[in-house]
PDB file of N, CA and C in Angstrom:
ATOM      1  N   MET A   1      18.952  -8.801  -2.528  1.00  0.00           N
ATOM      2  CA  MET A   1      18.879  -8.410  -3.506  1.00  0.00           C
ATOM      3  C   MET A   1      18.709  -6.485  -3.002  1.00  0.00           C
ATOM      4  N   LYS A   2      19.156  -5.557  -3.536  1.00  0.00           N
ATOM      5  CA  LYS A   2      18.986  -4.388  -3.098  1.00  0.00           C
ATOM      6  C   LYS A   2      17.745  -3.789  -3.327  1.00  0.00           C
ATOM      7  N   ILE A   3      17.437  -2.742  -2.643  1.00  0.00           N
ATOM      8  CA  ILE A   3      16.200  -2.048  -2.968  1.00  0.00           C
ATOM      9  C   ILE A   3      16.780  -0.656  -3.089  1.00  0.00           C
ATOM     10  N   ASP A   4      15.724  -0.091  -4.188  1.00  0.00           N
ATOM     11  CA  ASP A   4      16.177   1.183  -4.795  1.00  0.00           C
ATOM     12  C   ASP A   4      15.141   2.216  -3.886  1.00  0.00           C
ATOM     13  N   TYR A   5      15.574   2.616  -2.939  1.00  0.00           N
ATOM     14  CA  TYR A   5      14.819   3.263  -1.935  1.00  0.00           C
ATOM     15  C   TYR A   5      13.905   4.946  -2.714  1.00  0.00           C
ATOM     16  N   GLU A   6      14.572   5.388  -3.416  1.00  0.00           N
ATOM     17  CA  GLU A   6      13.951   6.403  -4.241  1.00  0.00           C
ATOM     18  C   GLU A   6      12.962   6.064  -4.740  1.00  0.00           C
ATOM     19  N   LEU A   7      13.194   4.630  -5.457  1.00  0.00           N
ATOM     20  CA  LEU A   7      11.857   4.250  -6.524  1.00  0.00           C
ATOM     21  C   LEU A   7      10.965   3.788  -5.729  1.00  0.00           C
ATOM     22  N   PHE A   8      11.197   3.293  -4.537  1.00  0.00           N
ATOM     23  CA  PHE A   8      10.251   2.592  -3.693  1.00  0.00           C
ATOM     24  C   PHE A   8       9.200   3.542  -3.340  1.00  0.00           C
ATOM     25  N   PHE A   9       9.747   4.579  -2.567  1.00  0.00           N
ATOM     26  CA  PHE A   9       9.392   5.728  -2.136  1.00  0.00           C
ATOM     27  C   PHE A   9       8.387   6.550  -3.111  1.00  0.00           C
ATOM     28  N   GLU A  10       8.702   6.561  -4.172  1.00  0.00           N
ATOM     29  CA  GLU A  10       7.831   6.984  -5.544  1.00  0.00           C
ATOM     30  C   GLU A  10       6.803   6.374  -5.604  1.00  0.00           C
ATOM     31  N   ASP A  11       6.978   4.785  -5.660  1.00  0.00           N
ATOM     32  CA  ASP A  11       5.898   4.023  -5.639  1.00  0.00           C
ATOM     33  C   ASP A  11       4.754   4.092  -4.575  1.00  0.00           C
ATOM     34  N   VAL A  12       5.406   4.309  -3.394  1.00  0.00           N
ATOM     35  CA  VAL A  12       4.524   4.328  -2.075  1.00  0.00           C
ATOM     36  C   VAL A  12       3.541   5.931  -2.492  1.00  0.00           C
ATOM     37  N   LYS A  13       4.444   6.590  -2.747  1.00  0.00           N
ATOM     38  CA  LYS A  13       3.529   8.060  -3.033  1.00  0.00           C
ATOM     39  C   LYS A  13       2.652   7.763  -3.761  1.00  0.00           C
ATOM     40  N   GLY A  14       2.663   7.214  -5.095  1.00  0.00           N
ATOM     41  CA  GLY A  14       1.675   6.837  -6.233  1.00  0.00           C
ATOM     42  C   GLY A  14       0.548   5.831  -5.473  1.00  0.00           C
ATOM     43  N   TRP A  15       0.919   4.884  -4.848  1.00  0.00           N
ATOM     44  CA  TRP A  15      -0.145   4.336  -3.909  1.00  0.00           C
ATOM     45  C   TRP A  15      -0.941   4.670  -3.279  1.00  0.00           C
ATOM     46  N   ILE A  16      -0.364   5.618  -2.581  1.00  0.00           N
ATOM     47  CA  ILE A  16      -1.134   6.753  -1.401  1.00  0.00           C
ATOM     48  C   ILE A  16      -1.969   7.314  -1.952  1.00  0.00           C
ATOM     49  N   TYR A  17      -1.768   8.174  -2.968  1.00  0.00           N
ATOM     50  CA  TYR A  17      -2.736   8.675  -4.233  1.00  0.00           C
ATOM     51  C   TYR A  17      -3.840   7.797  -4.693  1.00  0.00           C
ATOM     52  N   ALA A  18      -3.397   6.902  -5.204  1.00  0.00           N
ATOM     53  CA  ALA A  18      -4.100   5.914  -5.631  1.00  0.00           C
ATOM     54  C   ALA A  18      -5.279   5.245  -4.764  1.00  0.00           C
ATOM     55  N   CYS A  19      -4.646   5.047  -3.276  1.00  0.00           N
ATOM     56  CA  CYS A  19      -5.611   4.687  -2.092  1.00  0.00           C
ATOM     57  C   CYS A  19      -6.540   5.693  -1.872  1.00  0.00           C
ATOM     58  N   ASN A  20      -6.164   7.001  -1.844  1.00  0.00           N
ATOM     59  CA  ASN A  20      -7.248   8.111  -1.522  1.00  0.00           C
ATOM     60  C   ASN A  20      -8.150   8.278  -2.658  1.00  0.00           C
ATOM     61  N   ASN A  21      -7.625   8.412  -3.822  1.00  0.00           N
ATOM     62  CA  ASN A  21      -8.692   8.108  -5.176  1.00  0.00           C
ATOM     63  C   ASN A  21      -9.877   7.085  -4.984  1.00  0.00           C
ATOM     64  N   ASN A  22      -9.239   6.001  -4.773  1.00  0.00           N
ATOM     65  CA  ASN A  22     -10.186   4.788  -4.527  1.00  0.00           C
ATOM     66  C   ASN A  22     -11.389   4.763  -3.440  1.00  0.00           C
ATOM     67  N   LEU A  23     -10.906   5.149  -2.245  1.00  0.00           N
ATOM     68  CA  LEU A  23     -11.645   5.483  -1.115  1.00  0.00           C
ATOM     69  C   LEU A  23     -12.358   6.679  -1.479  1.00  0.00           C
ATOM     70  N   SER A  24     -12.244   7.483  -1.978  1.00  0.00           N
ATOM     71  CA  SER A  24     -12.967   8.622  -2.144  1.00  0.00           C
ATOM     72  C   SER A  24     -13.983   8.256  -3.548  1.00  0.00           C
ATOM     73  N   THR A  25     -13.871   7.652  -4.397  1.00  0.00           N
ATOM     74  CA  THR A  25     -14.592   7.298  -5.209  1.00  0.00           C
ATOM     75  C   THR A  25     -15.525   6.090  -4.603  1.00  0.00           C
ATOM     76  N   HIS A  26     -15.059   4.945  -3.909  1.00  0.00           N
ATOM     77  CA  HIS A  26     -15.613   3.802  -3.667  1.00  0.00           C
ATOM     78  C   HIS A  26     -16.385   3.817  -2.259  1.00  0.00           C
ATOM     79  N   GLY A  27     -15.617   4.497  -1.534  1.00  0.00           N
ATOM     80  CA  GLY A  27     -16.061   4.356  -0.025  1.00  0.00           C
ATOM     81  C   GLY A  27     -15.217   3.386   0.426  1.00  0.00           C
ATOM     82  N   VAL A  28     -15.298   2.640   1.714  1.00  0.00           N
ATOM     83  CA  VAL A  28     -14.576   1.682   2.305  1.00  0.00           C
ATOM     84  C   VAL A  28     -15.731   0.394   2.027  1.00  0.00           C
ATOM     85  N   THR A  29     -15.504  -0.609   1.094  1.00  0.00           N
ATOM     86  CA  THR A  29     -16.080  -1.784   0.961  1.00  0.00           C
ATOM     87  C   THR A  29     -15.347  -2.673   0.913  1.00  0.00           C
ATOM     88  N   PRO A  30     -15.857  -3.718   0.894  1.00  0.00           N
ATOM     89  CA  PRO A  30     -15.012  -5.148   0.722  1.00  0.00           C
ATOM     90  C   PRO A  30     -14.154  -5.013  -0.517  1.00  0.00           C
ATOM     91  N   GLU A  31     -14.740  -4.775  -1.537  1.00  0.00           N
ATOM     92  CA  GLU A  31     -13.814  -4.363  -2.817  1.00  0.00           C
ATOM     93  C   GLU A  31     -12.631  -3.642  -2.451  1.00  0.00           C
ATOM     94  N   THR A  32     -12.818  -2.651  -1.853  1.00  0.00           N
ATOM     95  CA  THR A  32     -11.909  -1.330  -1.526  1.00  0.00           C
ATOM     96  C   THR A  32     -10.731  -2.210  -0.553  1.00  0.00           C
ATOM     97  N   TRP A  33     -11.152  -2.794   0.199  1.00  0.00           N
ATOM     98  CA  TRP A  33     -10.184  -3.820   1.326  1.00  0.00           C
ATOM     99  C   TRP A  33      -9.482  -4.647   0.417  1.00  0.00           C
ATOM    100  N   SER A  34     -10.236  -5.250  -0.788  1.00  0.00           N
ATOM    101  CA  SER A  34      -9.474  -6.290  -1.668  1.00  0.00           C
ATOM    102  C   SER A  34      -8.332  -5.905  -2.080  1.00  0.00           C
ATOM    103  N   TRP A  35      -8.901  -4.463  -2.724  1.00  0.00           N
ATOM    104  CA  TRP A  35      -7.845  -3.552  -3.460  1.00  0.00           C
ATOM    105  C   TRP A  35      -6.605  -3.009  -2.809  1.00  0.00           C
ATOM    106  N   ILE A  36      -6.831  -2.797  -1.480  1.00  0.00           N
ATOM    107  CA  ILE A  36      -5.673  -2.255  -0.528  1.00  0.00           C
ATOM    108  C   ILE A  36      -4.718  -3.344  -0.430  1.00  0.00           C
ATOM    109  N   SER A  37      -5.481  -4.529  -0.302  1.00  0.00           N
ATOM    110  CA  SER A  37      -4.560  -5.836  -0.115  1.00  0.00           C
ATOM    111  C   SER A  37      -3.684  -6.183  -0.994  1.00  0.00           C
ATOM    112  N   ARG A  38      -4.602  -6.435  -2.389  1.00  0.00           N
ATOM    113  CA  ARG A  38      -3.994  -6.817  -3.498  1.00  0.00           C
ATOM    114  C   ARG A  38      -2.435  -6.049  -4.080  1.00  0.00           C
ATOM    115  N   THR A  39      -2.842  -4.273  -3.991  1.00  0.00           N
ATOM    116  CA  THR A  39      -1.976  -3.695  -4.485  1.00  0.00           C
ATOM    117  C   THR A  39      -0.839  -3.649  -3.335  1.00  0.00           C
ATOM    118  N   LEU A  40      -1.236  -3.673  -1.900  1.00  0.00           N
ATOM    119  CA  LEU A  40       0.277  -3.570  -0.995  1.00  0.00           C
ATOM    120  C   LEU A  40       1.020  -4.689  -1.318  1.00  0.00           C
ATOM    121  N   ALA A  41       0.456  -5.781  -1.655  1.00  0.00           N
ATOM    122  CA  ALA A  41       1.249  -7.150  -2.060  1.00  0.00           C
ATOM    123  C   ALA A  41       2.084  -7.045  -3.533  1.00  0.00           C
ATOM    124  N   GLU A  42       1.384  -6.351  -4.273  1.00  0.00           N
ATOM    125  CA  GLU A  42       2.036  -5.999  -5.357  1.00  0.00           C
ATOM    126  C   GLU A  42       3.254  -5.113  -5.281  1.00  0.00           C
ATOM    127  N   LEU A  43       2.945  -4.138  -4.406  1.00  0.00           N
ATOM    128  CA  LEU A  43       3.789  -2.998  -4.319  1.00  0.00           C
ATOM    129  C   LEU A  43       5.166  -3.926  -3.836  1.00  0.00           C
ATOM    130  N   SER A  44       5.092  -4.534  -2.487  1.00  0.00           N
ATOM    131  CA  SER A  44       6.030  -5.461  -2.054  1.00  0.00           C
ATOM    132  C   SER A  44       6.752  -6.330  -3.123  1.00  0.00           C
ATOM    133  N   GLU A  45       5.930  -6.961  -3.988  1.00  0.00           N
ATOM    134  CA  GLU A  45       6.600  -8.270  -4.884  1.00  0.00           C
ATOM    135  C   GLU A  45       7.344  -7.220  -5.971  1.00  0.00           C
ATOM    136  N   LYS A  46       6.913  -6.142  -6.216  1.00  0.00           N
ATOM    137  CA  LYS A  46       7.620  -5.318  -7.190  1.00  0.00           C
ATOM    138  C   LYS A  46       8.878  -5.034  -6.487  1.00  0.00           C
ATOM    139  N   HIS A  47       9.047  -4.721  -5.293  1.00  0.00           N
ATOM    140  CA  HIS A  47      10.694  -4.514  -4.871  1.00  0.00           C
ATOM    141  C   HIS A  47      11.250  -5.883  -4.187  1.00  0.00           C
ATOM    142  N   HIS A  48      10.948  -7.095  -4.855  1.00  0.00           N
ATOM    143  CA  HIS A  48      11.327  -8.312  -4.734  1.00  0.00           C
ATOM    144  C   HIS A  48      11.355  -8.746  -2.857  1.00  0.00           C
ATOM    145  N   ASN A  49       9.808  -8.267  -2.214  1.00  0.00           N
ATOM    146  CA  ASN A  49       9.692  -8.629  -1.152  1.00  0.00           C
ATOM    147  C   ASN A  49      11.141  -8.210  -0.283  1.00  0.00           C
ATOM    148  N   HIS A  50      11.635  -7.355  -0.475  1.00  0.00           N
ATOM    149  CA  HIS A  50      12.724  -6.766   0.440  1.00  0.00           C
ATOM    150  C   HIS A  50      12.297  -6.497   1.774  1.00  0.00           C
ATOM    151  N   PRO A  51      12.947  -6.769   2.734  1.00  0.00           N
ATOM    152  CA  PRO A  51      12.544  -6.754   4.133  1.00  0.00           C
ATOM    153  C   PRO A  51      11.920  -5.357   4.528  1.00  0.00           C
ATOM    154  N   PHE A  52      12.605  -4.436   3.983  1.00  0.00           N
ATOM    155  CA  PHE A  52      11.891  -2.859   4.111  1.00  0.00           C
ATOM    156  C   PHE A  52      10.774  -2.669   3.358  1.00  0.00           C
ATOM    157  N   ALA A  53      10.950  -3.009   2.074  1.00  0.00           N
ATOM    158  CA  ALA A  53       9.536  -3.117   1.611  1.00  0.00           C
ATOM    159  C   ALA A  53       8.518  -3.808   2.404  1.00  0.00           C
ATOM    160  N   LYS A  54       8.423  -5.005   2.495  1.00  0.00           N
ATOM    161  CA  LYS A  54       7.476  -5.458   3.232  1.00  0.00           C
ATOM    162  C   LYS A  54       7.110  -5.064   4.635  1.00  0.00           C
ATOM    163  N   ALA A  55       7.896  -4.584   5.367  1.00  0.00           N
ATOM    164  CA  ALA A  55       7.898  -3.724   6.636  1.00  0.00           C
ATOM    165  C   ALA A  55       6.996  -2.552   6.478  1.00  0.00           C
ATOM    166  N   GLN A  56       7.320  -1.699   5.369  1.00  0.00           N
ATOM    167  CA  GLN A  56       6.339  -0.735   4.955  1.00  0.00           C
ATOM    168  C   GLN A  56       5.180  -0.833   4.361  1.00  0.00           C
ATOM    169  N   CYS A  57       5.080  -1.752   3.818  1.00  0.00           N
ATOM    170  CA  CYS A  57       3.645  -2.179   3.227  1.00  0.00           C
ATOM    171  C   CYS A  57       3.056  -2.521   4.333  1.00  0.00           C
ATOM    172  N   GLN A  58       3.546  -3.475   5.290  1.00  0.00           N
ATOM    173  CA  GLN A  58       3.049  -3.875   6.701  1.00  0.00           C
ATOM    174  C   GLN A  58       2.281  -2.346   7.335  1.00  0.00           C
ATOM    175  N   MET A  59       3.289  -1.729   7.341  1.00  0.00           N
ATOM    176  CA  MET A  59       2.721  -0.280   8.339  1.00  0.00           C
ATOM    177  C   MET A  59       1.825   0.272   7.681  1.00  0.00           C
ATOM    178  N   LEU A  60       1.923   0.171   6.029  1.00  0.00           N
ATOM    179  CA  LEU A  60       0.631   0.887   5.460  1.00  0.00           C
ATOM    180  C   LEU A  60      -0.430   0.429   5.679  1.00  0.00           C
ATOM    181  N   TRP A  61      -0.542  -0.723   5.658  1.00  0.00           N
ATOM    182  CA  TRP A  61      -1.690  -1.648   6.106  1.00  0.00           C
ATOM    183  C   TRP A  61      -2.332  -1.547   7.359  1.00  0.00           C
ATOM    184  N   GLU A  62      -1.468  -1.473   8.365  1.00  0.00           N
ATOM    185  CA  GLU A  62      -1.902  -1.074   9.850  1.00  0.00           C
ATOM    186  C   GLU A  62      -2.368   0.294   9.966  1.00  0.00           C
ATOM    187  N   TRP A  63      -1.451   1.256   9.605  1.00  0.00           N
ATOM    188  CA  TRP A  63      -1.938   2.560   9.612  1.00  0.00           C
ATOM    189  C   TRP A  63      -3.147   2.697   8.669  1.00  0.00           C
ATOM    190  N   ILE A  64      -3.610   1.944   7.397  1.00  0.00           N
ATOM    191  CA  ILE A  64      -4.874   2.470   6.973  1.00  0.00           C
ATOM    192  C   ILE A  64      -6.161   1.690   7.546  1.00  0.00           C
ATOM    193  N   SER A  65      -5.731   0.440   8.291  1.00  0.00           N
ATOM    194  CA  SER A  65      -6.592  -0.205   9.094  1.00  0.00           C
ATOM    195  C   SER A  65      -7.225   0.664   9.941  1.00  0.00           C
ATOM    196  N   GLU A  66      -6.261   1.100  10.972  1.00  0.00           N
ATOM    197  CA  GLU A  66      -6.515   2.048  12.095  1.00  0.00           C
ATOM    198  C   GLU A  66      -7.596   3.052  11.648  1.00  0.00           C
ATOM    199  N   SER A  67      -7.032   3.842  10.629  1.00  0.00           N
ATOM    200  CA  SER A  67      -7.603   4.841  10.168  1.00  0.00           C
ATOM    201  C   SER A  67      -8.833   4.555  10.221  1.00  0.00           C
ATOM    202  N   LEU A  68      -9.355   3.712   9.104  1.00  0.00           N
ATOM    203  CA  LEU A  68     -10.704   3.647   8.342  1.00  0.00           C
ATOM    204  C   LEU A  68     -11.728   2.671   9.468  1.00  0.00           C
ATOM    205  N   ASN A  69     -11.057   2.073  10.515  1.00  0.00           N
ATOM    206  CA  ASN A  69     -11.958   1.481  11.570  1.00  0.00           C
ATOM    207  C   ASN A  69     -12.123   2.294  12.455  1.00  0.00           C
ATOM    208  N   LYS A  70     -12.018   3.477  12.741  1.00  0.00           N
ATOM    209  CA  LYS A  70     -12.134   4.424  13.815  1.00  0.00           C
ATOM    210  C   LYS A  70     -13.618   4.705  13.717  1.00  0.00           C
TER     211      LYS A  70
END
């Protein structure tokens, strides 16, 4: 199945805004980590777990993990 890159990156942009909002509202908590994990999985699934979507979601997970664990 093909991926609509424009739609995918719009969704990524929305996820980043939501993630930043979640972090600024709730801080780094177990619930926040759960939200991050769940919503990244949902983002990938929304785009049919296309290899590109999965790789980008993994990159986002690694990036935020490194950023928050500093």
